[in-house]
Amino acid sequence: QVRLVESGGGLVQPGGSLRLSCVVSGFTVRNYAMNWYRQGPGKERELVASISGGGGITNYADSVKGRFTISRDNAKNAMWLQMNSLKPEDTAVYHCNLPNFNYWGQGTQVTVSS
C-alpha cells in the first residue's frame, strides 16, 4: 500500500518559518517528480512547488518564489518544503503528490496568523 504522509505544519506568526516533510512508503520515489500543492480556505488547489526525480530541477509558483525551497532525498524516500517569510495568505492545507500515479497525502495544516 502506497502512503504519503505529510508533517510539520502548525501555527506560525507572519514572517516565521516552517519545514514540511513528506515521507513515502510502499513505493520508491526515485526517478519520479514530486509536487507540493496547497488549498487555502475558499480557494482552489494550487501547485506550490515541484521537483524532478533526481532533484536537479525545481519550479515554484510565483506567489512563493524566493521564500519556499523544495528538496528531496531519494535514499530516504522523502521530500521537504522549507517555507520562510510566511504570510497570512500562505494559510492552507499542504499536500504532497506523485503526479505520475496520482498519489496524494492527507495533508498538513499551515496557519499563518498573529
N, C-alpha and C. Protein backbone atom coordinates (compact mmCIF):
# COMPACT_ATOMS: atom_id res chain seq x y z
N GLN A 1 0.85 -1.19 0.00
CA GLN A 1 0.00 0.00 0.00
C GLN A 1 0.88 1.24 0.00
N VAL A 2 0.60 2.14 -0.91
CA VAL A 2 1.37 3.37 -1.01
C VAL A 2 0.81 4.40 -0.04
N ARG A 3 1.70 4.99 0.74
CA ARG A 3 1.28 6.05 1.66
C ARG A 3 2.22 7.23 1.53
N LEU A 4 1.63 8.41 1.48
CA LEU A 4 2.36 9.66 1.53
C LEU A 4 1.91 10.37 2.81
N VAL A 5 2.84 10.63 3.69
CA VAL A 5 2.49 11.22 4.98
C VAL A 5 3.22 12.54 5.15
N GLU A 6 2.43 13.61 5.24
CA GLU A 6 2.99 14.94 5.46
C GLU A 6 3.02 15.25 6.95
N SER A 7 3.96 16.08 7.33
CA SER A 7 4.06 16.56 8.71
C SER A 7 4.79 17.89 8.71
N GLY A 8 4.75 18.55 9.87
CA GLY A 8 5.50 19.79 10.02
C GLY A 8 4.66 21.04 10.00
N GLY A 9 3.37 20.90 9.74
CA GLY A 9 2.52 22.07 9.74
C GLY A 9 2.28 22.58 11.14
N GLY A 10 1.61 23.71 11.22
CA GLY A 10 1.30 24.29 12.52
C GLY A 10 0.91 25.74 12.40
N LEU A 11 0.87 26.40 13.55
CA LEU A 11 0.54 27.82 13.63
C LEU A 11 1.83 28.61 13.76
N VAL A 12 1.99 29.61 12.92
CA VAL A 12 3.20 30.42 12.94
C VAL A 12 2.82 31.88 12.68
N GLN A 13 3.59 32.78 13.23
CA GLN A 13 3.34 34.21 13.03
C GLN A 13 3.84 34.64 11.66
N PRO A 14 3.27 35.69 11.11
CA PRO A 14 3.79 36.24 9.86
C PRO A 14 5.28 36.52 9.96
N GLY A 15 5.99 36.15 8.91
CA GLY A 15 7.43 36.30 8.91
C GLY A 15 8.17 35.09 9.40
N GLY A 16 7.45 34.15 9.97
CA GLY A 16 8.07 32.95 10.51
C GLY A 16 8.35 31.90 9.45
N SER A 17 8.86 30.76 9.93
CA SER A 17 9.26 29.67 9.04
C SER A 17 8.67 28.34 9.52
N LEU A 18 8.48 27.47 8.56
CA LEU A 18 8.10 26.08 8.84
C LEU A 18 8.79 25.20 7.81
N ARG A 19 9.00 23.94 8.19
CA ARG A 19 9.55 22.97 7.25
C ARG A 19 8.62 21.78 7.20
N LEU A 20 8.02 21.58 6.05
CA LEU A 20 7.11 20.46 5.86
C LEU A 20 7.89 19.25 5.34
N SER A 21 7.46 18.08 5.78
CA SER A 21 8.06 16.82 5.33
C SER A 21 6.99 15.95 4.68
N CYS A 22 7.43 15.16 3.72
CA CYS A 22 6.56 14.17 3.08
C CYS A 22 7.37 12.89 2.98
N VAL A 23 6.93 11.87 3.69
CA VAL A 23 7.61 10.58 3.67
C VAL A 23 6.72 9.58 2.95
N VAL A 24 7.30 8.86 2.01
CA VAL A 24 6.55 7.92 1.20
C VAL A 24 6.93 6.49 1.59
N SER A 25 5.93 5.66 1.72
CA SER A 25 6.16 4.23 1.98
C SER A 25 5.39 3.41 0.96
N GLY A 26 5.88 2.20 0.70
CA GLY A 26 5.21 1.32 -0.25
C GLY A 26 5.49 1.63 -1.70
N PHE A 27 6.42 2.55 -1.93
CA PHE A 27 6.71 2.97 -3.31
C PHE A 27 8.06 3.66 -3.30
N THR A 28 8.87 3.39 -4.31
CA THR A 28 10.18 4.03 -4.43
C THR A 28 10.07 5.26 -5.32
N VAL A 29 10.34 6.42 -4.74
CA VAL A 29 10.08 7.67 -5.45
C VAL A 29 11.20 8.06 -6.42
N ARG A 30 12.33 7.39 -6.29
CA ARG A 30 13.45 7.72 -7.17
C ARG A 30 12.99 7.72 -8.62
N ASN A 31 13.41 8.71 -9.36
CA ASN A 31 13.13 8.87 -10.79
C ASN A 31 11.77 9.50 -11.09
N TYR A 32 10.99 9.80 -10.06
CA TYR A 32 9.68 10.38 -10.30
C TYR A 32 9.59 11.78 -9.71
N ALA A 33 8.99 12.68 -10.49
CA ALA A 33 8.76 14.02 -9.99
C ALA A 33 7.79 13.99 -8.81
N MET A 34 7.93 14.99 -7.97
CA MET A 34 7.02 15.15 -6.83
C MET A 34 6.62 16.61 -6.72
N ASN A 35 5.45 16.81 -6.15
CA ASN A 35 4.89 18.16 -6.03
C ASN A 35 4.43 18.44 -4.60
N TRP A 36 4.39 19.72 -4.29
CA TRP A 36 3.65 20.22 -3.14
C TRP A 36 2.49 21.06 -3.67
N TYR A 37 1.30 20.76 -3.20
CA TYR A 37 0.11 21.54 -3.50
C TYR A 37 -0.40 22.14 -2.20
N ARG A 38 -1.24 23.13 -2.33
CA ARG A 38 -1.94 23.67 -1.16
C ARG A 38 -3.35 24.10 -1.56
N GLN A 39 -4.21 24.09 -0.57
CA GLN A 39 -5.57 24.59 -0.77
C GLN A 39 -5.96 25.40 0.44
N GLY A 40 -6.11 26.69 0.23
CA GLY A 40 -6.50 27.60 1.30
C GLY A 40 -8.01 27.66 1.43
N PRO A 41 -8.49 28.22 2.52
CA PRO A 41 -9.93 28.32 2.75
C PRO A 41 -10.62 29.11 1.64
N GLY A 42 -11.59 28.50 1.00
CA GLY A 42 -12.32 29.15 -0.06
C GLY A 42 -11.55 29.34 -1.35
N LYS A 43 -10.41 28.66 -1.46
CA LYS A 43 -9.58 28.81 -2.65
C LYS A 43 -9.46 27.49 -3.40
N GLU A 44 -9.07 27.58 -4.66
CA GLU A 44 -8.81 26.38 -5.44
C GLU A 44 -7.43 25.82 -5.07
N ARG A 45 -7.26 24.55 -5.33
CA ARG A 45 -5.97 23.92 -5.08
C ARG A 45 -4.91 24.54 -5.99
N GLU A 46 -3.75 24.77 -5.41
CA GLU A 46 -2.67 25.48 -6.12
C GLU A 46 -1.39 24.65 -6.06
N LEU A 47 -0.73 24.53 -7.21
CA LEU A 47 0.58 23.89 -7.24
C LEU A 47 1.60 24.88 -6.70
N VAL A 48 2.27 24.50 -5.63
CA VAL A 48 3.20 25.39 -4.95
C VAL A 48 4.62 25.21 -5.48
N ALA A 49 5.05 23.95 -5.56
CA ALA A 49 6.42 23.68 -5.98
C ALA A 49 6.51 22.27 -6.52
N SER A 50 7.45 22.07 -7.43
CA SER A 50 7.67 20.74 -7.98
C SER A 50 9.17 20.47 -8.06
N ILE A 51 9.51 19.20 -8.05
CA ILE A 51 10.92 18.81 -8.11
C ILE A 51 11.04 17.56 -8.97
N SER A 52 12.07 17.53 -9.81
CA SER A 52 12.28 16.40 -10.69
C SER A 52 12.74 15.17 -9.91
N GLY A 53 12.76 14.04 -10.59
CA GLY A 53 13.10 12.79 -9.92
C GLY A 53 14.47 12.78 -9.28
N GLY A 54 15.41 13.40 -9.96
CA GLY A 54 16.75 13.47 -9.41
C GLY A 54 16.99 14.66 -8.52
N GLY A 55 16.04 15.55 -8.47
CA GLY A 55 16.15 16.73 -7.61
C GLY A 55 16.82 17.93 -8.25
N GLY A 56 17.27 17.78 -9.50
CA GLY A 56 18.03 18.85 -10.10
C GLY A 56 17.20 19.97 -10.70
N ILE A 57 15.92 19.73 -10.90
CA ILE A 57 15.04 20.75 -11.49
C ILE A 57 13.91 21.03 -10.53
N THR A 58 13.75 22.30 -10.22
CA THR A 58 12.67 22.73 -9.33
C THR A 58 11.90 23.86 -9.96
N ASN A 59 10.63 23.95 -9.62
CA ASN A 59 9.79 25.04 -10.10
C ASN A 59 8.88 25.49 -8.96
N TYR A 60 8.56 26.78 -9.00
CA TYR A 60 7.77 27.36 -7.92
C TYR A 60 6.67 28.25 -8.48
N ALA A 61 5.57 28.29 -7.75
CA ALA A 61 4.55 29.27 -8.05
C ALA A 61 5.12 30.66 -7.79
N ASP A 62 4.67 31.63 -8.57
CA ASP A 62 5.18 32.99 -8.39
C ASP A 62 4.93 33.49 -6.98
N SER A 63 3.86 33.04 -6.37
CA SER A 63 3.47 33.54 -5.05
C SER A 63 4.44 33.11 -3.95
N VAL A 64 5.26 32.08 -4.21
CA VAL A 64 6.17 31.59 -3.17
C VAL A 64 7.64 31.68 -3.59
N LYS A 65 7.88 32.08 -4.81
CA LYS A 65 9.26 32.12 -5.32
C LYS A 65 10.12 33.02 -4.45
N GLY A 66 11.28 32.52 -4.09
CA GLY A 66 12.19 33.28 -3.24
C GLY A 66 11.95 33.10 -1.76
N ARG A 67 10.84 32.48 -1.40
CA ARG A 67 10.53 32.26 0.03
C ARG A 67 10.50 30.77 0.38
N PHE A 68 10.09 29.94 -0.56
CA PHE A 68 9.97 28.50 -0.32
C PHE A 68 11.07 27.76 -1.09
N THR A 69 11.52 26.65 -0.51
CA THR A 69 12.51 25.80 -1.16
C THR A 69 12.08 24.34 -1.05
N ILE A 70 11.98 23.68 -2.20
CA ILE A 70 11.62 22.27 -2.24
C ILE A 70 12.90 21.45 -2.36
N SER A 71 12.92 20.31 -1.69
CA SER A 71 14.09 19.43 -1.76
C SER A 71 13.63 17.99 -1.55
N ARG A 72 14.52 17.07 -1.84
CA ARG A 72 14.18 15.66 -1.67
C ARG A 72 15.44 14.86 -1.39
N ASP A 73 15.23 13.69 -0.80
CA ASP A 73 16.31 12.73 -0.58
C ASP A 73 15.75 11.36 -0.97
N ASN A 74 16.14 10.89 -2.12
CA ASN A 74 15.58 9.63 -2.62
C ASN A 74 16.00 8.43 -1.76
N ALA A 75 17.13 8.54 -1.11
CA ALA A 75 17.56 7.46 -0.22
C ALA A 75 16.61 7.32 0.97
N LYS A 76 16.01 8.44 1.36
CA LYS A 76 15.06 8.43 2.47
C LYS A 76 13.61 8.38 1.99
N ASN A 77 13.44 8.37 0.66
CA ASN A 77 12.08 8.35 0.09
C ASN A 77 11.25 9.51 0.64
N ALA A 78 11.87 10.67 0.68
CA ALA A 78 11.22 11.81 1.34
C ALA A 78 11.45 13.09 0.56
N MET A 79 10.58 14.05 0.87
CA MET A 79 10.63 15.37 0.24
C MET A 79 10.30 16.39 1.32
N TRP A 80 10.82 17.60 1.14
CA TRP A 80 10.59 18.67 2.13
C TRP A 80 10.19 19.96 1.43
N LEU A 81 9.58 20.84 2.19
CA LEU A 81 9.28 22.18 1.72
C LEU A 81 9.66 23.14 2.85
N GLN A 82 10.75 23.85 2.65
CA GLN A 82 11.17 24.89 3.60
C GLN A 82 10.43 26.16 3.25
N MET A 83 9.69 26.68 4.20
CA MET A 83 8.87 27.86 3.97
C MET A 83 9.35 28.98 4.89
N ASN A 84 9.84 30.05 4.31
CA ASN A 84 10.32 31.21 5.07
C ASN A 84 9.47 32.42 4.76
N SER A 85 9.59 33.42 5.59
CA SER A 85 8.87 34.69 5.39
C SER A 85 7.39 34.42 5.13
N LEU A 86 6.81 33.62 5.97
CA LEU A 86 5.42 33.21 5.75
C LEU A 86 4.47 34.38 5.89
N LYS A 87 3.41 34.33 5.09
CA LYS A 87 2.40 35.37 5.05
C LYS A 87 1.04 34.76 5.38
N PRO A 88 0.11 35.57 5.84
CA PRO A 88 -1.23 35.01 6.13
C PRO A 88 -1.84 34.30 4.92
N GLU A 89 -1.54 34.78 3.73
CA GLU A 89 -2.11 34.14 2.53
C GLU A 89 -1.50 32.78 2.23
N ASP A 90 -0.47 32.39 2.96
CA ASP A 90 0.08 31.04 2.83
C ASP A 90 -0.73 30.01 3.63
N THR A 91 -1.68 30.50 4.41
CA THR A 91 -2.52 29.59 5.19
C THR A 91 -3.27 28.64 4.28
N ALA A 92 -3.09 27.34 4.53
CA ALA A 92 -3.68 26.32 3.66
C ALA A 92 -3.37 24.94 4.22
N VAL A 93 -4.02 23.96 3.64
CA VAL A 93 -3.61 22.57 3.85
C VAL A 93 -2.64 22.22 2.72
N TYR A 94 -1.49 21.73 3.11
CA TYR A 94 -0.43 21.42 2.14
C TYR A 94 -0.38 19.90 1.94
N HIS A 95 -0.36 19.52 0.66
CA HIS A 95 -0.34 18.10 0.31
C HIS A 95 0.87 17.80 -0.56
N CYS A 96 1.45 16.62 -0.37
CA CYS A 96 2.45 16.16 -1.31
C CYS A 96 1.79 15.21 -2.31
N ASN A 97 2.43 15.10 -3.46
CA ASN A 97 1.79 14.42 -4.59
C ASN A 97 2.84 13.79 -5.49
N LEU A 98 2.54 12.61 -5.95
CA LEU A 98 3.32 11.95 -7.00
C LEU A 98 2.47 12.00 -8.26
N PRO A 99 2.74 12.93 -9.14
CA PRO A 99 1.81 13.18 -10.24
C PRO A 99 1.68 12.04 -11.24
N ASN A 100 2.74 11.29 -11.44
CA ASN A 100 2.67 10.22 -12.43
C ASN A 100 1.66 9.15 -12.05
N PHE A 101 1.37 9.04 -10.76
CA PHE A 101 0.50 7.98 -10.28
C PHE A 101 -0.71 8.52 -9.53
N ASN A 102 -0.80 9.83 -9.46
CA ASN A 102 -1.91 10.48 -8.75
C ASN A 102 -2.00 10.01 -7.31
N TYR A 103 -0.85 9.85 -6.67
CA TYR A 103 -0.83 9.53 -5.25
C TYR A 103 -0.80 10.84 -4.46
N TRP A 104 -1.58 10.88 -3.38
CA TRP A 104 -1.68 12.08 -2.56
C TRP A 104 -1.55 11.74 -1.08
N GLY A 105 -0.99 12.67 -0.34
CA GLY A 105 -1.01 12.56 1.10
C GLY A 105 -2.27 13.18 1.66
N GLN A 106 -2.46 13.02 2.98
CA GLN A 106 -3.68 13.51 3.62
C GLN A 106 -3.60 15.01 3.91
N GLY A 107 -2.39 15.55 3.89
CA GLY A 107 -2.22 16.98 4.08
C GLY A 107 -1.83 17.35 5.49
N THR A 108 -1.21 18.52 5.59
CA THR A 108 -0.84 19.09 6.88
C THR A 108 -1.25 20.57 6.88
N GLN A 109 -1.86 21.00 7.97
CA GLN A 109 -2.40 22.36 8.03
C GLN A 109 -1.30 23.35 8.40
N VAL A 110 -1.22 24.42 7.63
CA VAL A 110 -0.34 25.54 7.93
C VAL A 110 -1.21 26.77 8.14
N THR A 111 -1.06 27.39 9.28
CA THR A 111 -1.82 28.59 9.59
C THR A 111 -0.84 29.71 9.95
N VAL A 112 -0.93 30.81 9.22
CA VAL A 112 -0.05 31.95 9.45
C VAL A 112 -0.92 33.09 9.99
N SER A 113 -0.72 33.40 11.25
CA SER A 113 -1.57 34.39 11.90
C SER A 113 -0.86 34.95 13.12
N SER A 114 -1.14 36.22 13.40
CA SER A 114 -0.60 36.82 14.61
C SER A 114 -1.60 36.71 15.74
